[in-house]
Amino acid sequence: MKKYLNLFDFKQKVNYKTEVLSGLTVALALIPEAVAFALIAGLSPLTGLYAAFVMGLITSIFGGRPGMISGATGAVAVVIVALAISHGPEYIFATVVLAGIIQILAGVFRLGKLMRLVPHPVIFGFVNGLAIIIFMSQLTQFKDASGNWLTGQSLYIILGLVLLTMLIIWGLPKLTKVIPASLVAILTVFGIVLVLGIDTKTVGDIASIQGGFPPFHLPNVPFTWETLVLIFPYAAIVAGVGLIESLLTLNIIDEITETRGRGNKEAVAQGAANMLSGVFSGMGGCAMIGQSLINVSNGARARLSGIVAAVALLMFVMFGAGLIEKLPMAALTGLMIMVAIGTFEWASLKTFNRMPKSDIFVMVVVTLVTVFLHNLALAVIIGVIIAALVFAWDNAKRIRARKSIDEHGVKHYEIYGPLFFGSVTVFNEKFDILNDPEEIIIDFKESRVVDMSAIEALNKLTERYLKVGKKVHLRHLSPDCQKLLRNADKIIDVNVLEDPTYKVVIDKV
């Protein structure tokens, strides 16, 4: 039965049953990852679980992307592990609080729009790399406590349970979508293990999740300049990694649901969640693409599913730890492998012979950096830089000059393409200063003066013409180009004014 849910400023048509069941499924999937990420960071399992609760609840209520799930993540864990080892959890809590402040400022100053600069090949590479990481992280479930691969009966049992989970998740939606397939798969495998008494790895074999309500306390660190200098670099990286991963996940969920989230609002919500996580004994985090995809693939589209997931997670920790610890890891492993398969952009493989080679290169580099360095922010930054350099190189080669001499003996250079740092060399090669007539016109109707390098190129060109006693007119400069040149007059020796005869902007002799 579909109704309308008004929660704060969001109005969404909600299927309550789908939202609640999906939230419960996500809560079960959050537990092993939150525990694992906390252990990676050198912290107690409850630190990851508390972060998952606080992050999930706050971003579900106040975030800019309904249906997206946040919690403790590996990207954050990798950043803070060195600080955790050297200074302990209290400094982690302080770092997370500071990272939250930075994220709130990013949202307030509307820096979320910077995600527009991330090209599609970078998103493809990011998603594919993340899918590979999710898959590879599940392989540890096929190893024993000593790190050796399972063999014999133990291997066959976990393989069978994993394949059964995957089969249910794949096949059930073809029959009915009344109940989320992932939840049915988990409960089915759980029931089989309990009834048949199958000996297989469970959540409790990783760590105990028994705990109470997240305790509130301010980070027990000296409030000194030395502390700020120590934690600020970690906080800045956590904030950056968190925002990049969250906003990219937001874009992916936007595409799947064919709706539009609000990046700046999500940044503020992520910041507030991290601040509260730090004062409620959590390790901090950001959006989780795996759990978010589980949620939306179950049909959840509103805030309710995220709220249910967060509250259910806390209930499991406080009251249901004994039961949840018996949950077979095979069921969760099968679920996450299906997430990895669904996350990977298989369509990107079909574009290898169709996309420009530069885009293929960017996509592959981002994927490899994501997989081998496990640094999502670095992968995205590298991808954006490479894409920007390729774009600049391509545009640098596109500048052209059509040349003609009118009936008055004035030579015209009609410029096509942007004039910027990458194209100034080719631009200068277009002019024949010694053999040109006494007066030339450079027409920018189909071009733009973009940056300081372009201004300097124009300045040097006019100087070279003036040295041989020739006059240069600049025609059809756009208003912003004219303003750029006038502003540059304070930096370099370029004077511009309107020419009443040619209706152009000229260099004053």
Protein backbone atom coordinates (compact mmCIF):
# COMPACT_ATOMS: atom_id res chain seq x y z
CA MET A 1 0.00 0.00 0.00
CA LYS A 2 1.58 3.25 -1.12
CA LYS A 3 1.27 6.43 0.91
CA TYR A 4 2.97 9.78 1.18
CA LEU A 5 5.72 10.38 3.71
CA ASN A 6 6.63 13.91 4.73
CA LEU A 7 9.97 13.93 6.53
CA PHE A 8 11.42 17.38 7.07
CA ASP A 9 11.64 19.01 3.60
CA PHE A 10 11.26 15.83 1.59
CA LYS A 11 8.01 14.58 0.12
CA GLN A 12 8.17 11.16 -1.48
CA LYS A 13 5.71 8.49 -2.43
CA VAL A 14 6.72 5.59 -0.21
CA ASN A 15 6.04 1.89 -0.14
CA TYR A 16 6.45 1.33 3.60
CA LYS A 17 6.87 -2.43 3.39
CA THR A 18 9.64 -2.15 0.79
CA GLU A 19 11.41 0.57 2.77
CA VAL A 20 11.33 -1.37 6.05
CA LEU A 21 12.38 -4.72 4.58
CA SER A 22 15.13 -3.09 2.55
CA GLY A 23 16.35 -1.26 5.64
CA LEU A 24 16.58 -4.53 7.57
CA THR A 25 18.55 -6.12 4.74
CA VAL A 26 20.97 -3.20 4.63
CA ALA A 27 21.42 -3.35 8.41
CA LEU A 28 22.50 -6.99 8.15
CA ALA A 29 24.92 -6.15 5.35
CA LEU A 30 26.37 -3.23 7.32
CA ILE A 31 27.49 -5.31 10.29
CA PRO A 32 30.42 -7.32 8.87
CA GLU A 33 31.78 -4.38 6.89
CA ALA A 34 31.58 -1.96 9.83
CA VAL A 35 33.41 -4.49 12.00
CA ALA A 36 36.01 -5.20 9.32
CA PHE A 37 36.71 -1.51 8.64
CA ALA A 38 37.10 -0.79 12.36
CA LEU A 39 39.63 -3.61 12.65
CA ILE A 40 41.49 -2.29 9.59
CA ALA A 41 41.75 1.09 11.33
CA GLY A 42 43.08 -0.56 14.49
CA LEU A 43 39.93 0.26 16.47
CA SER A 44 37.36 -1.81 18.35
CA PRO A 45 34.47 -3.32 16.34
CA LEU A 46 31.95 -1.19 18.22
CA THR A 47 33.70 1.93 16.95
CA GLY A 48 32.75 0.93 13.40
CA LEU A 49 29.23 -0.11 14.36
CA TYR A 50 28.57 3.13 16.22
CA ALA A 51 29.85 5.08 13.21
CA ALA A 52 27.53 3.13 10.92
CA PHE A 53 24.56 3.93 13.17
CA VAL A 54 25.27 7.65 13.54
CA MET A 55 26.32 8.21 9.91
CA GLY A 56 23.39 6.22 8.57
CA LEU A 57 20.78 7.93 10.74
CA ILE A 58 21.90 11.54 10.27
CA THR A 59 22.46 11.34 6.51
CA SER A 60 19.20 9.47 5.97
CA ILE A 61 17.25 12.22 7.72
CA PHE A 62 19.11 15.32 6.57
CA GLY A 63 21.06 14.21 3.48
CA GLY A 64 20.57 15.29 -0.09
CA ARG A 65 20.03 11.82 -1.56
CA PRO A 66 17.14 9.72 -0.20
CA GLY A 67 17.89 6.01 -0.46
CA MET A 68 21.65 6.43 -0.16
CA ILE A 69 23.31 4.62 2.76
CA SER A 70 26.25 5.96 4.76
CA GLY A 71 28.40 4.25 7.35
CA ALA A 72 31.94 3.32 8.32
CA THR A 73 34.00 2.82 5.14
CA GLY A 74 37.32 1.36 4.14
CA ALA A 75 38.38 4.60 2.46
CA VAL A 76 38.27 6.40 5.81
CA ALA A 77 39.79 3.45 7.67
CA VAL A 78 42.86 3.45 5.44
CA VAL A 79 43.41 7.17 6.07
CA ILE A 80 43.20 7.06 9.88
CA VAL A 81 44.97 3.77 10.62
CA ALA A 82 48.41 5.40 11.08
CA LEU A 83 47.03 7.97 13.53
CA ALA A 84 45.11 5.29 15.41
CA ILE A 85 48.26 3.23 15.88
CA SER A 86 50.41 6.17 16.95
CA HIS A 87 47.99 8.17 19.13
CA GLY A 88 44.96 6.01 19.88
CA PRO A 89 41.19 6.28 19.37
CA GLU A 90 40.67 9.63 21.13
CA TYR A 91 42.68 11.39 18.44
CA ILE A 92 40.61 9.57 15.82
CA PHE A 93 37.44 10.95 17.36
CA ALA A 94 38.89 14.48 17.31
CA THR A 95 39.99 14.02 13.69
CA VAL A 96 36.54 12.88 12.65
CA VAL A 97 34.93 15.91 14.32
CA LEU A 98 37.31 18.26 12.50
CA ALA A 99 36.69 16.45 9.22
CA GLY A 100 32.97 16.98 9.75
CA ILE A 101 33.49 20.71 10.21
CA ILE A 102 35.45 20.85 6.95
CA GLN A 103 32.68 18.98 5.12
CA ILE A 104 30.02 21.32 6.47
CA LEU A 105 32.04 24.30 5.24
CA ALA A 106 32.34 22.62 1.83
CA GLY A 107 28.57 22.29 1.69
CA VAL A 108 27.94 25.84 2.91
CA PHE A 109 30.27 27.25 0.26
CA ARG A 110 28.57 25.03 -2.34
CA LEU A 111 31.68 23.14 -3.39
CA GLY A 112 29.53 20.17 -4.38
CA LYS A 113 29.27 21.71 -7.84
CA LEU A 114 32.92 20.73 -8.37
CA MET A 115 31.66 17.21 -9.09
CA ARG A 116 30.63 18.56 -12.49
CA LEU A 117 34.34 18.49 -13.34
CA VAL A 118 34.47 14.71 -12.98
CA PRO A 119 34.18 13.24 -16.50
CA HIS A 120 32.27 10.07 -17.23
CA PRO A 121 35.34 7.87 -17.87
CA VAL A 122 36.51 8.72 -14.35
CA ILE A 123 33.14 7.64 -12.93
CA PHE A 124 33.34 4.42 -14.96
CA GLY A 125 36.81 3.74 -13.62
CA PHE A 126 35.80 4.57 -10.06
CA VAL A 127 32.76 2.30 -10.17
CA ASN A 128 34.61 -0.58 -11.82
CA GLY A 129 37.50 -0.31 -9.39
CA LEU A 130 35.11 -0.24 -6.45
CA ALA A 131 33.29 -3.31 -7.79
CA ILE A 132 36.58 -5.19 -8.01
CA ILE A 133 37.49 -4.14 -4.45
CA ILE A 134 34.12 -5.30 -3.13
CA PHE A 135 34.60 -8.66 -4.85
CA MET A 136 38.20 -9.11 -3.72
CA SER A 137 37.31 -8.23 -0.13
CA GLN A 138 34.95 -11.20 -0.07
CA LEU A 139 37.73 -13.65 -0.89
CA THR A 140 38.94 -13.53 2.70
CA GLN A 141 35.86 -15.54 3.64
CA PHE A 142 37.36 -18.44 1.70
CA LYS A 143 40.44 -18.48 3.94
CA ASP A 144 40.98 -19.91 7.41
CA ALA A 145 42.26 -18.11 10.49
CA SER A 146 45.85 -18.66 9.34
CA GLY A 147 45.21 -17.03 5.99
CA ASN A 148 45.31 -20.27 4.01
CA TRP A 149 42.70 -21.09 1.39
CA LEU A 150 39.98 -23.43 2.55
CA THR A 151 39.97 -26.94 1.15
CA GLY A 152 37.78 -30.01 1.22
CA GLN A 153 34.42 -29.97 2.97
CA SER A 154 34.80 -26.48 4.48
CA LEU A 155 35.35 -25.00 1.03
CA TYR A 156 32.46 -26.92 -0.53
CA ILE A 157 30.07 -25.81 2.23
CA ILE A 158 30.84 -22.12 1.96
CA LEU A 159 30.84 -22.26 -1.85
CA GLY A 160 27.48 -23.98 -1.85
CA LEU A 161 25.95 -21.46 0.55
CA VAL A 162 27.39 -18.51 -1.37
CA LEU A 163 26.09 -19.84 -4.69
CA LEU A 164 22.67 -20.51 -3.16
CA THR A 165 22.54 -16.93 -1.88
CA MET A 166 23.48 -15.58 -5.30
CA LEU A 167 20.96 -17.83 -7.04
CA ILE A 168 18.11 -16.60 -4.83
CA ILE A 169 19.08 -12.94 -5.30
CA TRP A 170 19.24 -13.45 -9.08
CA GLY A 171 16.18 -15.64 -9.51
CA LEU A 172 13.59 -14.49 -6.98
CA PRO A 173 12.90 -11.08 -8.61
CA LYS A 174 11.91 -12.95 -11.77
CA LEU A 175 9.12 -14.61 -9.78
CA THR A 176 8.08 -11.91 -7.32
CA LYS A 177 9.24 -8.59 -5.91
CA VAL A 178 6.97 -8.63 -2.88
CA ILE A 179 9.94 -9.20 -0.54
CA PRO A 180 13.53 -8.05 -1.23
CA ALA A 181 15.42 -10.99 -2.72
CA SER A 182 18.55 -10.22 -0.71
CA LEU A 183 16.64 -10.49 2.59
CA VAL A 184 15.03 -13.77 1.51
CA ALA A 185 18.45 -15.12 0.54
CA ILE A 186 20.01 -14.20 3.90
CA LEU A 187 17.13 -15.68 5.90
CA THR A 188 17.02 -18.83 3.77
CA VAL A 189 20.72 -19.56 4.17
CA PHE A 190 20.52 -18.66 7.87
CA GLY A 191 17.64 -21.13 8.31
CA ILE A 192 19.43 -23.92 6.44
CA VAL A 193 22.56 -23.51 8.57
CA LEU A 194 20.59 -23.50 11.82
CA VAL A 195 18.29 -26.41 10.98
CA LEU A 196 20.99 -28.66 9.55
CA GLY A 197 23.61 -27.58 12.08
CA ILE A 198 26.14 -26.78 9.36
CA ASP A 199 29.57 -25.80 10.67
CA THR A 200 30.53 -22.64 8.78
CA LYS A 201 32.00 -19.23 9.53
CA THR A 202 29.61 -16.76 11.21
CA VAL A 203 29.59 -13.06 12.06
CA GLY A 204 30.57 -13.96 15.62
CA ASP A 205 33.77 -15.56 14.33
CA ILE A 206 34.94 -12.12 13.21
CA ALA A 207 34.25 -10.26 16.45
CA SER A 208 31.57 -9.75 19.08
CA ILE A 209 29.07 -7.00 18.27
CA GLN A 210 27.51 -6.87 21.74
CA GLY A 211 27.25 -3.32 23.04
CA GLY A 212 25.02 -0.56 24.36
CA PHE A 213 23.90 2.84 23.13
CA PRO A 214 26.83 4.86 21.72
CA PRO A 215 28.39 6.68 24.70
CA PHE A 216 28.67 10.45 24.39
CA HIS A 217 31.94 12.09 25.30
CA LEU A 218 34.11 14.83 23.91
CA PRO A 219 37.42 13.58 22.49
CA ASN A 220 39.94 13.38 25.32
CA VAL A 221 42.78 15.23 23.61
CA PRO A 222 44.68 18.41 24.54
CA PHE A 223 43.00 21.41 22.92
CA THR A 224 46.29 22.89 21.74
CA TRP A 225 47.85 24.14 18.54
CA GLU A 226 50.08 21.05 18.43
CA THR A 227 47.01 18.81 18.44
CA LEU A 228 45.45 20.78 15.59
CA VAL A 229 48.65 20.58 13.54
CA LEU A 230 48.74 16.82 14.13
CA ILE A 231 45.16 15.96 13.24
CA PHE A 232 44.41 18.57 10.55
CA PRO A 233 46.12 16.74 7.64
CA TYR A 234 44.26 13.53 8.52
CA ALA A 235 40.98 15.44 8.92
CA ALA A 236 41.40 17.19 5.56
CA ILE A 237 42.04 13.89 3.77
CA VAL A 238 39.11 12.18 5.55
CA ALA A 239 36.85 15.09 4.57
CA GLY A 240 38.02 15.03 0.96
CA VAL A 241 37.81 11.26 0.58
CA GLY A 242 34.40 11.21 2.23
CA LEU A 243 32.98 13.95 0.02
CA ILE A 244 34.36 12.50 -3.20
CA GLU A 245 33.06 9.01 -2.45
CA SER A 246 29.71 10.33 -1.22
CA LEU A 247 29.08 12.67 -4.15
CA LEU A 248 30.13 10.08 -6.71
CA THR A 249 27.83 7.56 -5.07
CA LEU A 250 25.08 10.19 -5.13
CA ASN A 251 25.57 10.62 -8.89
CA ILE A 252 25.42 6.86 -9.44
CA ILE A 253 22.20 6.54 -7.44
CA ASP A 254 20.81 9.52 -9.35
CA GLU A 255 21.36 7.67 -12.62
CA ILE A 256 19.80 4.45 -11.35
CA THR A 257 16.72 6.10 -9.88
CA GLU A 258 16.47 8.79 -12.60
CA THR A 259 16.13 11.45 -9.93
CA ARG A 260 18.41 14.22 -8.80
CA GLY A 261 20.04 14.53 -5.38
CA ARG A 262 21.44 17.68 -3.78
CA GLY A 263 25.21 17.52 -3.46
CA ASN A 264 25.73 20.51 -1.19
CA LYS A 265 23.01 19.39 1.20
CA GLU A 266 24.61 15.94 1.30
CA ALA A 267 27.98 17.51 2.12
CA VAL A 268 26.49 19.36 5.10
CA ALA A 269 24.73 16.20 6.28
CA GLN A 270 27.91 14.15 5.93
CA GLY A 271 29.78 16.77 7.95
CA ALA A 272 27.17 16.85 10.72
CA ALA A 273 27.13 13.04 10.81
CA ASN A 274 30.91 12.88 11.16
CA MET A 275 30.90 15.47 13.92
CA LEU A 276 28.30 13.49 15.87
CA SER A 277 30.12 10.26 15.10
CA GLY A 278 33.25 11.68 16.70
CA VAL A 279 31.47 12.59 19.92
CA PHE A 280 29.53 9.31 20.03
CA SER A 281 32.60 7.04 19.87
CA GLY A 282 32.46 6.41 16.12
CA MET A 283 35.28 6.26 13.57
CA GLY A 284 33.46 8.38 11.00
CA GLY A 285 32.66 7.44 7.42
CA CYS A 286 30.83 8.42 4.27
CA ALA A 287 28.40 7.03 1.69
CA MET A 288 28.69 3.30 0.93
CA ILE A 289 28.10 2.38 -2.67
CA GLY A 290 27.60 -1.34 -1.96
CA GLN A 291 24.90 -0.89 0.67
CA SER A 292 23.35 1.96 -1.32
CA LEU A 293 23.01 -0.30 -4.34
CA ILE A 294 21.49 -3.04 -2.19
CA ASN A 295 18.96 -0.51 -0.97
CA VAL A 296 17.90 0.91 -4.32
CA SER A 297 17.92 -2.52 -5.99
CA ASN A 298 15.39 -3.59 -3.36
CA GLY A 299 13.14 -0.77 -4.56
CA ALA A 300 13.78 1.68 -1.72
CA ARG A 301 13.62 5.31 -2.82
CA ALA A 302 12.90 7.31 0.35
CA ARG A 303 14.61 8.27 3.58
CA LEU A 304 12.75 5.67 5.61
CA SER A 305 14.92 2.74 4.48
CA GLY A 306 18.10 4.41 5.69
CA ILE A 307 16.52 5.33 9.01
CA VAL A 308 15.30 1.75 9.50
CA ALA A 309 18.75 0.40 8.61
CA ALA A 310 20.47 2.62 11.17
CA VAL A 311 17.97 1.94 13.97
CA ALA A 312 17.91 -1.80 13.22
CA LEU A 313 21.71 -1.89 13.35
CA LEU A 314 21.67 -0.31 16.80
CA MET A 315 18.97 -2.74 17.96
CA PHE A 316 21.09 -5.64 16.77
CA VAL A 317 24.05 -4.33 18.75
CA MET A 318 22.05 -3.66 21.91
CA PHE A 319 19.58 -6.55 21.99
CA GLY A 320 20.18 -9.02 19.15
CA ALA A 321 23.92 -9.57 19.16
CA GLY A 322 23.61 -13.21 20.17
CA LEU A 323 21.39 -14.02 17.20
CA ILE A 324 23.16 -11.85 14.64
CA GLU A 325 26.54 -13.33 15.56
CA LYS A 326 25.18 -16.70 14.36
CA LEU A 327 24.48 -15.27 10.89
CA PRO A 328 26.57 -17.24 8.34
CA MET A 329 29.16 -15.12 6.55
CA ALA A 330 28.43 -17.11 3.39
CA ALA A 331 25.05 -15.37 3.05
CA LEU A 332 26.58 -11.91 3.38
CA THR A 333 29.45 -12.90 1.09
CA GLY A 334 27.03 -14.01 -1.62
CA LEU A 335 25.09 -10.76 -1.22
CA MET A 336 28.22 -8.60 -1.59
CA ILE A 337 29.44 -10.58 -4.62
CA MET A 338 26.10 -9.88 -6.29
CA VAL A 339 26.55 -6.22 -5.36
CA ALA A 340 29.99 -6.26 -6.99
CA ILE A 341 28.53 -7.82 -10.16
CA GLY A 342 25.75 -5.23 -10.23
CA THR A 343 28.15 -2.36 -9.50
CA PHE A 344 30.56 -3.11 -12.34
CA GLU A 345 29.76 -1.10 -15.47
CA TRP A 346 29.74 -3.96 -17.94
CA ALA A 347 28.65 -1.56 -20.66
CA SER A 348 32.01 0.19 -20.34
CA LEU A 349 33.72 -2.90 -21.79
CA LYS A 350 31.69 -2.54 -24.98
CA THR A 351 32.95 1.01 -25.48
CA PHE A 352 36.63 0.11 -25.85
CA ASN A 353 36.41 0.27 -29.64
CA ARG A 354 34.05 3.24 -29.66
CA MET A 355 35.36 5.69 -27.07
CA PRO A 356 38.42 7.91 -27.67
CA LYS A 357 41.65 6.22 -26.61
CA SER A 358 42.25 8.99 -24.08
CA ASP A 359 38.95 8.20 -22.34
CA ILE A 360 39.80 4.49 -22.28
CA PHE A 361 43.18 5.33 -20.77
CA VAL A 362 41.59 7.51 -18.07
CA MET A 363 39.06 4.81 -17.20
CA VAL A 364 41.72 2.09 -16.93
CA VAL A 365 44.07 4.26 -14.85
CA VAL A 366 41.32 5.19 -12.39
CA THR A 367 40.31 1.55 -12.09
CA LEU A 368 43.88 0.39 -11.44
CA VAL A 369 44.61 3.12 -8.88
CA THR A 370 41.36 2.33 -7.08
CA VAL A 371 42.10 -1.40 -6.99
CA PHE A 372 45.79 -1.39 -6.13
CA LEU A 373 46.07 1.69 -3.91
CA HIS A 374 42.59 1.51 -2.36
CA ASN A 375 42.60 5.31 -2.49
CA LEU A 376 39.39 6.43 -4.15
CA ALA A 377 40.08 10.14 -3.78
CA LEU A 378 43.54 9.84 -5.34
CA ALA A 379 42.12 7.75 -8.19
CA VAL A 380 39.47 10.36 -8.98
CA ILE A 381 41.94 13.26 -8.74
CA ILE A 382 44.41 11.51 -11.05
CA GLY A 383 41.63 10.76 -13.50
CA VAL A 384 40.39 14.36 -13.52
CA ILE A 385 43.94 15.69 -14.02
CA ILE A 386 44.63 13.34 -16.94
CA ALA A 387 41.26 14.13 -18.52
CA ALA A 388 41.90 17.87 -18.12
CA LEU A 389 45.36 17.62 -19.69
CA VAL A 390 43.99 15.59 -22.60
CA PHE A 391 41.22 18.15 -23.09
CA ALA A 392 43.74 21.00 -23.02
CA TRP A 393 45.99 19.20 -25.52
CA ASP A 394 43.11 18.49 -27.90
CA ASN A 395 41.92 22.11 -27.78
CA ALA A 396 45.46 23.40 -28.19
CA LYS A 397 45.62 21.69 -31.58
CA ARG A 398 42.27 23.11 -32.73
CA ILE A 399 43.22 26.79 -32.97
CA ARG A 400 43.16 27.98 -36.58
CA ALA A 401 43.66 31.26 -38.45
CA ARG A 402 41.97 32.16 -41.75
CA LYS A 403 43.99 34.85 -43.54
CA SER A 404 42.85 37.45 -46.11
CA ILE A 405 43.70 40.97 -47.32
CA ASP A 406 40.87 43.47 -47.97
CA GLU A 407 40.62 46.24 -50.56
CA HIS A 408 42.36 48.69 -48.19
CA GLY A 409 45.42 46.50 -47.92
CA VAL A 410 44.61 45.49 -44.35
CA LYS A 411 45.39 41.86 -43.53
CA HIS A 412 42.76 39.94 -41.53
CA TYR A 413 43.46 36.99 -39.25
CA GLU A 414 40.20 35.24 -38.32
CA ILE A 415 40.98 33.09 -35.29
CA TYR A 416 39.08 29.86 -34.57
CA GLY A 417 39.38 27.96 -31.29
CA PRO A 418 40.23 29.03 -27.73
CA LEU A 419 43.42 30.97 -27.01
CA PHE A 420 44.87 29.69 -23.75
CA PHE A 421 48.15 28.41 -22.31
CA GLY A 422 48.10 25.27 -24.42
CA SER A 423 47.46 26.98 -27.76
CA VAL A 424 49.64 30.11 -27.59
CA THR A 425 52.59 28.45 -29.35
CA VAL A 426 50.48 27.38 -32.33
CA PHE A 427 48.76 30.81 -32.26
CA ASN A 428 52.08 32.67 -32.56
CA GLU A 429 53.11 30.51 -35.51
CA LYS A 430 50.14 31.79 -37.52
CA PHE A 431 51.57 35.31 -37.97
CA ASP A 432 54.09 36.52 -40.55
CA ILE A 433 55.22 39.73 -38.84
CA LEU A 434 57.98 40.79 -41.26
CA ASN A 435 55.96 40.23 -44.45
CA ASP A 436 52.57 41.46 -43.19
CA PRO A 437 51.24 44.87 -44.35
CA GLU A 438 51.35 48.01 -42.19
CA GLU A 439 48.02 47.24 -40.54
CA ILE A 440 46.46 43.95 -39.47
CA ILE A 441 43.23 42.93 -37.76
CA ILE A 442 42.99 39.90 -35.51
CA ASP A 443 39.35 38.83 -35.39
CA PHE A 444 38.24 36.82 -32.32
CA LYS A 445 34.61 36.35 -33.35
CA GLU A 446 35.07 32.55 -33.29
CA SER A 447 37.61 32.49 -30.49
CA ARG A 448 38.07 33.44 -26.85
CA VAL A 449 40.92 34.87 -24.83
CA VAL A 450 40.85 32.53 -21.86
CA ASP A 451 43.74 33.06 -19.46
CA MET A 452 46.88 34.98 -18.51
CA SER A 453 49.02 33.06 -21.01
CA ALA A 454 46.69 34.21 -23.79
CA ILE A 455 46.92 37.83 -22.66
CA GLU A 456 50.71 37.63 -22.52
CA ALA A 457 50.74 36.12 -26.01
CA LEU A 458 48.67 39.03 -27.35
CA ASN A 459 50.91 41.51 -25.57
CA LYS A 460 54.09 39.98 -27.00
CA LEU A 461 52.55 39.78 -30.48
CA THR A 462 51.53 43.45 -30.52
CA GLU A 463 54.98 44.43 -29.23
CA ARG A 464 56.65 42.54 -32.08
CA TYR A 465 54.43 44.26 -34.65
CA LEU A 466 55.02 47.68 -33.06
CA LYS A 467 58.78 47.19 -33.17
CA VAL A 468 58.58 47.01 -36.98
CA GLY A 469 56.17 49.97 -37.14
CA LYS A 470 52.96 48.07 -37.75
CA LYS A 471 49.56 48.53 -36.11
CA VAL A 472 47.44 45.71 -34.63
CA HIS A 473 43.66 45.80 -34.09
CA LEU A 474 41.80 43.25 -32.01
CA ARG A 475 38.24 42.79 -33.23
CA HIS A 476 35.17 41.08 -31.80
CA LEU A 477 36.55 40.45 -28.36
CA SER A 478 33.73 39.30 -26.09
CA PRO A 479 32.94 41.53 -23.07
CA ASP A 480 34.62 39.13 -20.66
CA CYS A 481 37.74 39.04 -22.86
CA GLN A 482 37.82 42.83 -22.95
CA LYS A 483 37.52 42.92 -19.18
CA LEU A 484 40.30 40.37 -18.89
CA LEU A 485 42.60 42.50 -21.04
CA ARG A 486 41.77 45.69 -19.16
CA ASN A 487 42.43 43.98 -15.83
CA ALA A 488 45.72 42.69 -17.19
CA ASP A 489 46.77 46.27 -17.92
CA LYS A 490 47.73 46.50 -14.24
CA ILE A 491 50.04 43.49 -14.61
CA ILE A 492 51.50 43.66 -18.11
CA ASP A 493 51.85 46.51 -20.58
CA VAL A 494 48.60 46.13 -22.53
CA ASN A 495 46.36 49.16 -23.15
CA VAL A 496 42.98 48.71 -24.84
CA LEU A 497 40.36 51.16 -26.10
CA GLU A 498 37.51 51.22 -28.61
CA ASP A 499 38.42 52.01 -32.23
CA PRO A 500 35.66 54.12 -33.82
CA THR A 501 36.67 53.19 -37.37
CA TYR A 502 36.94 49.43 -37.12
CA LYS A 503 34.68 49.00 -34.09
CA VAL A 504 37.44 46.97 -32.44
CA VAL A 505 39.59 47.00 -29.37
CA ILE A 506 43.13 48.09 -30.20
CA ASP A 507 46.51 48.37 -28.54
CA LYS A 508 47.27 51.99 -27.97
CA VAL A 509 50.63 53.05 -29.45
